[in-house]
Amino acid sequence: MILYPDSYLFSEENQLELNGQVIHHQHAWLLNIGDEELDLMFENGWRRAGNIFYRYSYDTHEDITTGVGPLQVLPLRIPVNNFTLTKSQAKIWRKNENFRWSLVAGRPTDAHHELFVLHRERFERNVPDSIFDFISTTHESVPTRGLILDVYDGEKLIATSLIDHTPKSMSSIYAMFHPDYGAHSLGVYTMLLEIYSCRQLEKAYYYPGFAHHESSFYDYKKRFNGLEWLDWKGTMDWLPYERLMGKTERE
């Protein structure tokens, strides 16, 4: 069981009612945070957008594909040593093996902002304004230590994942891809690259963000072997999640 520390990191819990559903939520604004404290926040189901750290039991936004909401939040993680490829993920890995990729500490460039603008055109609801809705302008160092994973077709940037990391963990903040490459499943591919990087860097946990208990746009995150979810309004334990079968998977 995960225990709450007596720390300023864990702000007062608030509640609101929406459509008859009681929603628990917490927020904290942090200028900087160390690796051990960040790992503790990951382990307790926290995410961040810029300097705002948060967690909540229900997503009050409408799902960007179905328009349904609120949806129950499902914090996710994968113990890296428990992960194995599914057949469809192995196919995606092979299909994209000619693409070049890199993982570096740094800040977004003009190419990243251009890719972001192309990527957000696919959304009709909850469209973000800027990359800086998700990270700070000092992504490589403040408030956390940030990484940027890029995928290239030749010299063309086609996918990017913005990442937090500590010696123990890697956490995906936001991923984007070029709309001309929809057939390459680049959202899944960047997740696979992040898990691969976790293994290479000997990190114990990969946090892909959250999905929902109900079906939603984020169901692709629930199709990974070794997946766990945090019951943060119940036992506060990370529990095994039975992988959601995709249309192309038989096992």
C-alpha atoms as a PDB file:
ATOM      1  CA  MET A   1       0.000   0.000   0.000  1.00  0.00           C
ATOM      2  CA  ILE A   2       1.214   3.492  -0.845  1.00  0.00           C
ATOM      3  CA  LEU A   3       1.296   5.927   2.088  1.00  0.00           C
ATOM      4  CA  TYR A   4       0.772   9.660   1.921  1.00  0.00           C
ATOM      5  CA  PRO A   5       3.713  11.681   3.238  1.00  0.00           C
ATOM      6  CA  ASP A   6       3.218  14.636   5.548  1.00  0.00           C
ATOM      7  CA  SER A   7       4.265  17.033   2.786  1.00  0.00           C
ATOM      8  CA  TYR A   8       3.203  20.262   1.093  1.00  0.00           C
ATOM      9  CA  LEU A   9       3.085  18.257  -2.146  1.00  0.00           C
ATOM     10  CA  PHE A  10      -0.264  16.790  -1.225  1.00  0.00           C
ATOM     11  CA  SER A  11      -2.678  19.673  -1.154  1.00  0.00           C
ATOM     12  CA  GLU A  12      -6.114  19.711   0.385  1.00  0.00           C
ATOM     13  CA  GLU A  13      -8.558  17.457  -1.433  1.00  0.00           C
ATOM     14  CA  ASN A  14     -11.530  19.174  -3.034  1.00  0.00           C
ATOM     15  CA  GLN A  15     -14.846  17.795  -4.196  1.00  0.00           C
ATOM     16  CA  LEU A  16     -17.444  18.889  -6.691  1.00  0.00           C
ATOM     17  CA  GLU A  17     -20.606  17.322  -8.052  1.00  0.00           C
ATOM     18  CA  LEU A  18     -21.234  17.016 -11.789  1.00  0.00           C
ATOM     19  CA  ASN A  19     -24.230  15.230 -13.266  1.00  0.00           C
ATOM     20  CA  GLY A  20     -24.817  13.576  -9.906  1.00  0.00           C
ATOM     21  CA  GLN A  21     -21.232  12.261  -9.703  1.00  0.00           C
ATOM     22  CA  VAL A  22     -18.961  13.320  -6.821  1.00  0.00           C
ATOM     23  CA  ILE A  23     -15.518  14.178  -8.217  1.00  0.00           C
ATOM     24  CA  HIS A  24     -12.416  14.259  -6.006  1.00  0.00           C
ATOM     25  CA  HIS A  25      -9.557  16.431  -7.170  1.00  0.00           C
ATOM     26  CA  GLN A  26      -6.265  17.865  -5.896  1.00  0.00           C
ATOM     27  CA  HIS A  27      -3.898  20.446  -7.360  1.00  0.00           C
ATOM     28  CA  ALA A  28      -0.481  21.808  -6.408  1.00  0.00           C
ATOM     29  CA  TRP A  29       1.598  24.508  -8.104  1.00  0.00           C
ATOM     30  CA  LEU A  30       5.310  23.661  -7.834  1.00  0.00           C
ATOM     31  CA  LEU A  31       8.236  25.721  -9.029  1.00  0.00           C
ATOM     32  CA  ASN A  32      10.646  22.803  -8.732  1.00  0.00           C
ATOM     33  CA  ILE A  33      10.603  19.212  -7.508  1.00  0.00           C
ATOM     34  CA  GLY A  34      13.299  16.618  -6.791  1.00  0.00           C
ATOM     35  CA  ASP A  35      13.493  13.096  -8.177  1.00  0.00           C
ATOM     36  CA  GLU A  36      12.384  11.295  -5.005  1.00  0.00           C
ATOM     37  CA  GLU A  37       9.377  13.573  -4.497  1.00  0.00           C
ATOM     38  CA  LEU A  38       8.428  13.269  -8.157  1.00  0.00           C
ATOM     39  CA  ASP A  39       8.557   9.467  -7.970  1.00  0.00           C
ATOM     40  CA  LEU A  40       6.330   9.627  -4.911  1.00  0.00           C
ATOM     41  CA  MET A  41       3.827  11.753  -6.813  1.00  0.00           C
ATOM     42  CA  PHE A  42       3.869   9.336  -9.767  1.00  0.00           C
ATOM     43  CA  GLU A  43       3.279   6.436  -7.372  1.00  0.00           C
ATOM     44  CA  ASN A  44       0.278   8.259  -5.921  1.00  0.00           C
ATOM     45  CA  GLY A  45      -1.341   8.947  -9.288  1.00  0.00           C
ATOM     46  CA  TRP A  46      -0.294  12.558  -9.892  1.00  0.00           C
ATOM     47  CA  ARG A  47       0.270  14.085 -13.332  1.00  0.00           C
ATOM     48  CA  ARG A  48       1.411  17.544 -14.355  1.00  0.00           C
ATOM     49  CA  ALA A  49       0.737  20.294 -16.892  1.00  0.00           C
ATOM     50  CA  GLY A  50       3.506  22.876 -16.754  1.00  0.00           C
ATOM     51  CA  ASN A  51       3.956  23.764 -13.083  1.00  0.00           C
ATOM     52  CA  ILE A  52       0.511  22.501 -12.093  1.00  0.00           C
ATOM     53  CA  PHE A  53       0.457  18.997 -10.576  1.00  0.00           C
ATOM     54  CA  TYR A  54      -2.925  17.338 -10.257  1.00  0.00           C
ATOM     55  CA  ARG A  55      -4.943  14.187  -9.789  1.00  0.00           C
ATOM     56  CA  TYR A  56      -8.667  13.592  -9.894  1.00  0.00           C
ATOM     57  CA  SER A  57     -11.094  10.693  -9.736  1.00  0.00           C
ATOM     58  CA  TYR A  58     -13.205  11.706 -12.748  1.00  0.00           C
ATOM     59  CA  ASP A  59     -12.320  13.531 -15.958  1.00  0.00           C
ATOM     60  CA  THR A  60     -14.812  16.390 -16.242  1.00  0.00           C
ATOM     61  CA  HIS A  61     -14.050  17.020 -19.928  1.00  0.00           C
ATOM     62  CA  GLU A  62     -16.055  15.321 -22.630  1.00  0.00           C
ATOM     63  CA  ASP A  63     -14.169  12.526 -24.384  1.00  0.00           C
ATOM     64  CA  ILE A  64     -12.647  13.924 -27.576  1.00  0.00           C
ATOM     65  CA  THR A  65     -14.087  11.120 -29.708  1.00  0.00           C
ATOM     66  CA  THR A  66     -17.424  10.218 -28.082  1.00  0.00           C
ATOM     67  CA  GLY A  67     -18.379  13.487 -26.394  1.00  0.00           C
ATOM     68  CA  VAL A  68     -19.288  11.513 -23.244  1.00  0.00           C
ATOM     69  CA  GLY A  69     -18.291  12.647 -19.752  1.00  0.00           C
ATOM     70  CA  PRO A  70     -17.464  12.665 -16.907  1.00  0.00           C
ATOM     71  CA  LEU A  71     -15.343   9.497 -17.127  1.00  0.00           C
ATOM     72  CA  GLN A  72     -13.622   7.682 -14.269  1.00  0.00           C
ATOM     73  CA  VAL A  73      -9.862   8.239 -14.383  1.00  0.00           C
ATOM     74  CA  LEU A  74      -7.572   5.214 -14.513  1.00  0.00           C
ATOM     75  CA  PRO A  75      -3.943   6.089 -13.552  1.00  0.00           C
ATOM     76  CA  LEU A  76      -1.628   3.654 -15.361  1.00  0.00           C
ATOM     77  CA  ARG A  77       1.905   2.316 -15.059  1.00  0.00           C
ATOM     78  CA  ILE A  78       3.950  -0.574 -16.417  1.00  0.00           C
ATOM     79  CA  PRO A  79       6.664  -2.263 -14.332  1.00  0.00           C
ATOM     80  CA  VAL A  80       9.259  -2.381 -17.093  1.00  0.00           C
ATOM     81  CA  ASN A  81      10.425  -5.932 -16.361  1.00  0.00           C
ATOM     82  CA  ASN A  82       6.838  -7.200 -16.736  1.00  0.00           C
ATOM     83  CA  PHE A  83       6.316  -5.836 -20.241  1.00  0.00           C
ATOM     84  CA  THR A  84       6.185  -8.041 -23.328  1.00  0.00           C
ATOM     85  CA  LEU A  85       5.134  -7.117 -26.846  1.00  0.00           C
ATOM     86  CA  THR A  86       1.754  -8.139 -28.188  1.00  0.00           C
ATOM     87  CA  LYS A  87       1.600  -9.425 -31.764  1.00  0.00           C
ATOM     88  CA  SER A  88       0.210  -6.130 -33.051  1.00  0.00           C
ATOM     89  CA  GLN A  89       2.872  -4.115 -31.199  1.00  0.00           C
ATOM     90  CA  ALA A  90       5.629  -6.298 -32.638  1.00  0.00           C
ATOM     91  CA  LYS A  91       4.170  -5.600 -36.086  1.00  0.00           C
ATOM     92  CA  ILE A  92       4.194  -1.830 -35.415  1.00  0.00           C
ATOM     93  CA  TRP A  93       7.812  -2.043 -34.220  1.00  0.00           C
ATOM     94  CA  ARG A  94       8.890  -3.839 -37.409  1.00  0.00           C
ATOM     95  CA  LYS A  95       6.865  -1.527 -39.660  1.00  0.00           C
ATOM     96  CA  ASN A  96       8.636   1.542 -38.274  1.00  0.00           C
ATOM     97  CA  GLU A  97      12.152   0.142 -37.940  1.00  0.00           C
ATOM     98  CA  ASN A  98      13.461   2.340 -40.787  1.00  0.00           C
ATOM     99  CA  PHE A  99      12.537   5.527 -38.948  1.00  0.00           C
ATOM    100  CA  ARG A 100      15.282   7.289 -37.006  1.00  0.00           C
ATOM    101  CA  TRP A 101      14.667   8.324 -33.407  1.00  0.00           C
ATOM    102  CA  SER A 102      16.430  10.181 -30.609  1.00  0.00           C
ATOM    103  CA  LEU A 103      15.944  10.840 -26.894  1.00  0.00           C
ATOM    104  CA  VAL A 104      17.509  14.021 -25.504  1.00  0.00           C
ATOM    105  CA  ALA A 105      17.138  16.615 -22.772  1.00  0.00           C
ATOM    106  CA  GLY A 106      16.079  19.915 -24.271  1.00  0.00           C
ATOM    107  CA  ARG A 107      13.373  22.418 -25.147  1.00  0.00           C
ATOM    108  CA  PRO A 108      10.883  22.382 -28.023  1.00  0.00           C
ATOM    109  CA  THR A 109      12.113  23.825 -31.311  1.00  0.00           C
ATOM    110  CA  ASP A 110      10.199  25.462 -34.146  1.00  0.00           C
ATOM    111  CA  ALA A 111       9.830  21.999 -35.706  1.00  0.00           C
ATOM    112  CA  HIS A 112       8.072  20.750 -32.554  1.00  0.00           C
ATOM    113  CA  HIS A 113       5.667  23.671 -32.531  1.00  0.00           C
ATOM    114  CA  GLU A 114       4.881  23.098 -36.215  1.00  0.00           C
ATOM    115  CA  LEU A 115       4.202  19.410 -35.555  1.00  0.00           C
ATOM    116  CA  PHE A 116       1.963  20.345 -32.616  1.00  0.00           C
ATOM    117  CA  VAL A 117      -0.171  22.597 -34.830  1.00  0.00           C
ATOM    118  CA  LEU A 118      -0.603  19.800 -37.388  1.00  0.00           C
ATOM    119  CA  HIS A 119      -1.372  17.218 -34.696  1.00  0.00           C
ATOM    120  CA  ARG A 120      -4.066  19.217 -32.918  1.00  0.00           C
ATOM    121  CA  GLU A 121      -6.093  19.599 -36.129  1.00  0.00           C
ATOM    122  CA  ARG A 122      -7.396  16.074 -35.585  1.00  0.00           C
ATOM    123  CA  PHE A 123      -9.322  17.137 -32.476  1.00  0.00           C
ATOM    124  CA  GLU A 124     -12.736  18.778 -32.369  1.00  0.00           C
ATOM    125  CA  ARG A 125     -13.044  18.975 -28.558  1.00  0.00           C
ATOM    126  CA  ASN A 126     -10.663  20.191 -25.847  1.00  0.00           C
ATOM    127  CA  VAL A 127      -8.143  21.444 -28.401  1.00  0.00           C
ATOM    128  CA  PRO A 128      -4.922  22.624 -26.654  1.00  0.00           C
ATOM    129  CA  ASP A 129      -3.489  26.039 -27.477  1.00  0.00           C
ATOM    130  CA  SER A 130       0.217  25.332 -27.169  1.00  0.00           C
ATOM    131  CA  ILE A 131       2.887  22.799 -26.235  1.00  0.00           C
ATOM    132  CA  PHE A 132       3.268  24.927 -23.122  1.00  0.00           C
ATOM    133  CA  ASP A 133      -0.163  23.792 -21.974  1.00  0.00           C
ATOM    134  CA  PHE A 134       1.725  20.625 -20.987  1.00  0.00           C
ATOM    135  CA  ILE A 135       5.318  21.578 -20.193  1.00  0.00           C
ATOM    136  CA  SER A 136       7.264  24.608 -19.001  1.00  0.00           C
ATOM    137  CA  THR A 137       9.494  26.761 -21.185  1.00  0.00           C
ATOM    138  CA  THR A 138      12.425  25.232 -19.273  1.00  0.00           C
ATOM    139  CA  HIS A 139      11.367  21.642 -19.960  1.00  0.00           C
ATOM    140  CA  GLU A 140      14.842  20.130 -19.623  1.00  0.00           C
ATOM    141  CA  SER A 141      15.299  21.216 -15.998  1.00  0.00           C
ATOM    142  CA  VAL A 142      12.310  22.933 -14.320  1.00  0.00           C
ATOM    143  CA  PRO A 143      10.032  21.982 -12.642  1.00  0.00           C
ATOM    144  CA  THR A 144      11.218  18.454 -13.423  1.00  0.00           C
ATOM    145  CA  ARG A 145      13.951  16.925 -15.564  1.00  0.00           C
ATOM    146  CA  GLY A 146      12.402  16.654 -19.011  1.00  0.00           C
ATOM    147  CA  LEU A 147      13.246  14.661 -22.124  1.00  0.00           C
ATOM    148  CA  ILE A 148      12.095  14.872 -25.734  1.00  0.00           C
ATOM    149  CA  LEU A 149      11.734  11.719 -27.833  1.00  0.00           C
ATOM    150  CA  ASP A 150      11.661  12.430 -31.575  1.00  0.00           C
ATOM    151  CA  VAL A 151      10.951  10.152 -34.540  1.00  0.00           C
ATOM    152  CA  TYR A 152      12.145  11.112 -38.033  1.00  0.00           C
ATOM    153  CA  ASP A 153      11.414   9.915 -41.534  1.00  0.00           C
ATOM    154  CA  GLY A 154      14.702  10.956 -43.084  1.00  0.00           C
ATOM    155  CA  GLU A 155      15.074  14.557 -41.870  1.00  0.00           C
ATOM    156  CA  LYS A 156      11.337  15.065 -41.369  1.00  0.00           C
ATOM    157  CA  LEU A 157      10.046  15.160 -37.775  1.00  0.00           C
ATOM    158  CA  ILE A 158       6.981  12.912 -37.706  1.00  0.00           C
ATOM    159  CA  ALA A 159       6.390  12.193 -34.000  1.00  0.00           C
ATOM    160  CA  THR A 160       7.395  13.568 -30.626  1.00  0.00           C
ATOM    161  CA  SER A 161       6.799  12.559 -27.023  1.00  0.00           C
ATOM    162  CA  LEU A 162       7.412  14.962 -24.134  1.00  0.00           C
ATOM    163  CA  ILE A 163       8.629  13.102 -21.047  1.00  0.00           C
ATOM    164  CA  ASP A 164       9.436  13.487 -17.344  1.00  0.00           C
ATOM    165  CA  HIS A 165      12.116  11.235 -15.897  1.00  0.00           C
ATOM    166  CA  THR A 166      13.931  10.285 -12.714  1.00  0.00           C
ATOM    167  CA  PRO A 167      16.551   7.561 -12.130  1.00  0.00           C
ATOM    168  CA  LYS A 168      13.634   5.256 -11.251  1.00  0.00           C
ATOM    169  CA  SER A 169      10.855   6.239 -13.649  1.00  0.00           C
ATOM    170  CA  MET A 170       9.818   7.676 -16.980  1.00  0.00           C
ATOM    171  CA  SER A 171       6.465   9.387 -17.439  1.00  0.00           C
ATOM    172  CA  SER A 172       4.912  10.418 -20.753  1.00  0.00           C
ATOM    173  CA  ILE A 173       3.384  13.903 -20.643  1.00  0.00           C
ATOM    174  CA  TYR A 174       2.149  14.482 -24.199  1.00  0.00           C
ATOM    175  CA  ALA A 175       2.651  12.818 -27.577  1.00  0.00           C
ATOM    176  CA  MET A 176       1.997  14.152 -31.060  1.00  0.00           C
ATOM    177  CA  PHE A 177       2.461  12.900 -34.596  1.00  0.00           C
ATOM    178  CA  HIS A 178       2.218  14.066 -38.186  1.00  0.00           C
ATOM    179  CA  PRO A 179      -1.275  13.402 -39.623  1.00  0.00           C
ATOM    180  CA  ASP A 180       0.200  11.990 -42.856  1.00  0.00           C
ATOM    181  CA  TYR A 181       1.545   9.019 -40.872  1.00  0.00           C
ATOM    182  CA  GLY A 182      -1.672   7.751 -39.317  1.00  0.00           C
ATOM    183  CA  ALA A 183      -1.130   4.254 -40.738  1.00  0.00           C
ATOM    184  CA  HIS A 184       2.077   3.879 -38.702  1.00  0.00           C
ATOM    185  CA  SER A 185       0.416   3.929 -35.235  1.00  0.00           C
ATOM    186  CA  LEU A 186       2.990   6.445 -34.035  1.00  0.00           C
ATOM    187  CA  GLY A 187       1.214   7.007 -30.711  1.00  0.00           C
ATOM    188  CA  VAL A 188       1.773   3.358 -29.838  1.00  0.00           C
ATOM    189  CA  TYR A 189       5.234   3.386 -31.408  1.00  0.00           C
ATOM    190  CA  THR A 190       6.469   6.281 -29.243  1.00  0.00           C
ATOM    191  CA  MET A 191       5.187   4.425 -26.169  1.00  0.00           C
ATOM    192  CA  LEU A 192       7.158   1.357 -27.232  1.00  0.00           C
ATOM    193  CA  LEU A 193      10.258   3.513 -27.716  1.00  0.00           C
ATOM    194  CA  GLU A 194       9.789   4.960 -24.236  1.00  0.00           C
ATOM    195  CA  ILE A 195       9.519   1.479 -22.697  1.00  0.00           C
ATOM    196  CA  TYR A 196      12.596   0.394 -24.654  1.00  0.00           C
ATOM    197  CA  SER A 197      14.447   3.460 -23.350  1.00  0.00           C
ATOM    198  CA  CYS A 198      13.365   2.647 -19.793  1.00  0.00           C
ATOM    199  CA  ARG A 199      14.989  -0.758 -20.133  1.00  0.00           C
ATOM    200  CA  GLN A 200      18.158   0.670 -21.631  1.00  0.00           C
ATOM    201  CA  LEU A 201      18.389   3.221 -18.808  1.00  0.00           C
ATOM    202  CA  GLU A 202      17.484   0.612 -16.155  1.00  0.00           C
ATOM    203  CA  LYS A 203      14.354   2.381 -14.930  1.00  0.00           C
ATOM    204  CA  ALA A 204      11.798   0.375 -12.976  1.00  0.00           C
ATOM    205  CA  TYR A 205       8.527   2.023 -14.036  1.00  0.00           C
ATOM    206  CA  TYR A 206       6.953   3.575 -17.096  1.00  0.00           C
ATOM    207  CA  TYR A 207       3.916   5.823 -16.576  1.00  0.00           C
ATOM    208  CA  PRO A 208       1.908   6.299 -19.802  1.00  0.00           C
ATOM    209  CA  GLY A 209      -0.519   8.736 -18.186  1.00  0.00           C
ATOM    210  CA  PHE A 210      -4.140   7.875 -17.603  1.00  0.00           C
ATOM    211  CA  ALA A 211      -6.997   6.229 -19.445  1.00  0.00           C
ATOM    212  CA  HIS A 212     -10.617   5.794 -18.342  1.00  0.00           C
ATOM    213  CA  HIS A 213     -12.509   2.878 -16.859  1.00  0.00           C
ATOM    214  CA  GLU A 214     -15.068   3.458 -19.597  1.00  0.00           C
ATOM    215  CA  SER A 215     -14.230   3.190 -23.292  1.00  0.00           C
ATOM    216  CA  SER A 216     -12.603   6.387 -24.566  1.00  0.00           C
ATOM    217  CA  PHE A 217      -9.994   7.882 -26.885  1.00  0.00           C
ATOM    218  CA  TYR A 218      -7.277   6.567 -24.540  1.00  0.00           C
ATOM    219  CA  ASP A 219      -8.149   2.866 -24.863  1.00  0.00           C
ATOM    220  CA  TYR A 220      -4.934   2.260 -26.849  1.00  0.00           C
ATOM    221  CA  LYS A 221      -3.021   2.691 -23.581  1.00  0.00           C
ATOM    222  CA  LYS A 222      -4.918  -0.257 -22.090  1.00  0.00           C
ATOM    223  CA  ARG A 223      -3.555  -2.697 -24.690  1.00  0.00           C
ATOM    224  CA  PHE A 224      -0.101  -3.162 -23.100  1.00  0.00           C
ATOM    225  CA  ASN A 225       1.044  -6.291 -21.301  1.00  0.00           C
ATOM    226  CA  GLY A 226       2.116  -5.853 -17.684  1.00  0.00           C
ATOM    227  CA  LEU A 227      -0.195  -2.870 -17.172  1.00  0.00           C
ATOM    228  CA  GLU A 228      -1.232  -1.802 -13.654  1.00  0.00           C
ATOM    229  CA  TRP A 229      -3.795   0.761 -12.457  1.00  0.00           C
ATOM    230  CA  LEU A 230      -3.945   2.740  -9.229  1.00  0.00           C
ATOM    231  CA  ASP A 231      -7.046   2.489  -7.049  1.00  0.00           C
ATOM    232  CA  TRP A 232      -6.309   5.883  -5.461  1.00  0.00           C
ATOM    233  CA  LYS A 233      -9.770   6.427  -3.974  1.00  0.00           C
ATOM    234  CA  GLY A 234      -9.870   2.886  -2.581  1.00  0.00           C
ATOM    235  CA  THR A 235      -7.002   0.736  -1.336  1.00  0.00           C
ATOM    236  CA  MET A 236      -4.246   2.976  -2.801  1.00  0.00           C
ATOM    237  CA  ASP A 237      -2.704  -0.141  -4.326  1.00  0.00           C
ATOM    238  CA  TRP A 238      -1.442  -0.626  -7.881  1.00  0.00           C
ATOM    239  CA  LEU A 239      -3.500  -3.523  -9.240  1.00  0.00           C
ATOM    240  CA  PRO A 240      -3.010  -5.675 -12.364  1.00  0.00           C
ATOM    241  CA  TYR A 241      -5.110  -4.546 -15.308  1.00  0.00           C
ATOM    242  CA  GLU A 242      -6.360  -7.190 -17.700  1.00  0.00           C
ATOM    243  CA  ARG A 243      -5.164  -5.974 -21.068  1.00  0.00           C
ATOM    244  CA  LEU A 244      -7.859  -4.715 -23.414  1.00  0.00           C
ATOM    245  CA  MET A 245      -7.815  -6.798 -26.559  1.00  0.00           C
ATOM    246  CA  GLY A 246      -7.424  -4.911 -29.801  1.00  0.00           C
ATOM    247  CA  LYS A 247      -9.241  -5.774 -33.008  1.00  0.00           C
ATOM    248  CA  THR A 248      -6.113  -7.320 -34.528  1.00  0.00           C
ATOM    249  CA  GLU A 249      -5.071  -9.328 -31.467  1.00  0.00           C
ATOM    250  CA  ARG A 250      -6.018 -12.904 -30.691  1.00  0.00           C
ATOM    251  CA  GLU A 251      -3.906 -13.354 -27.560  1.00  0.00           C
END
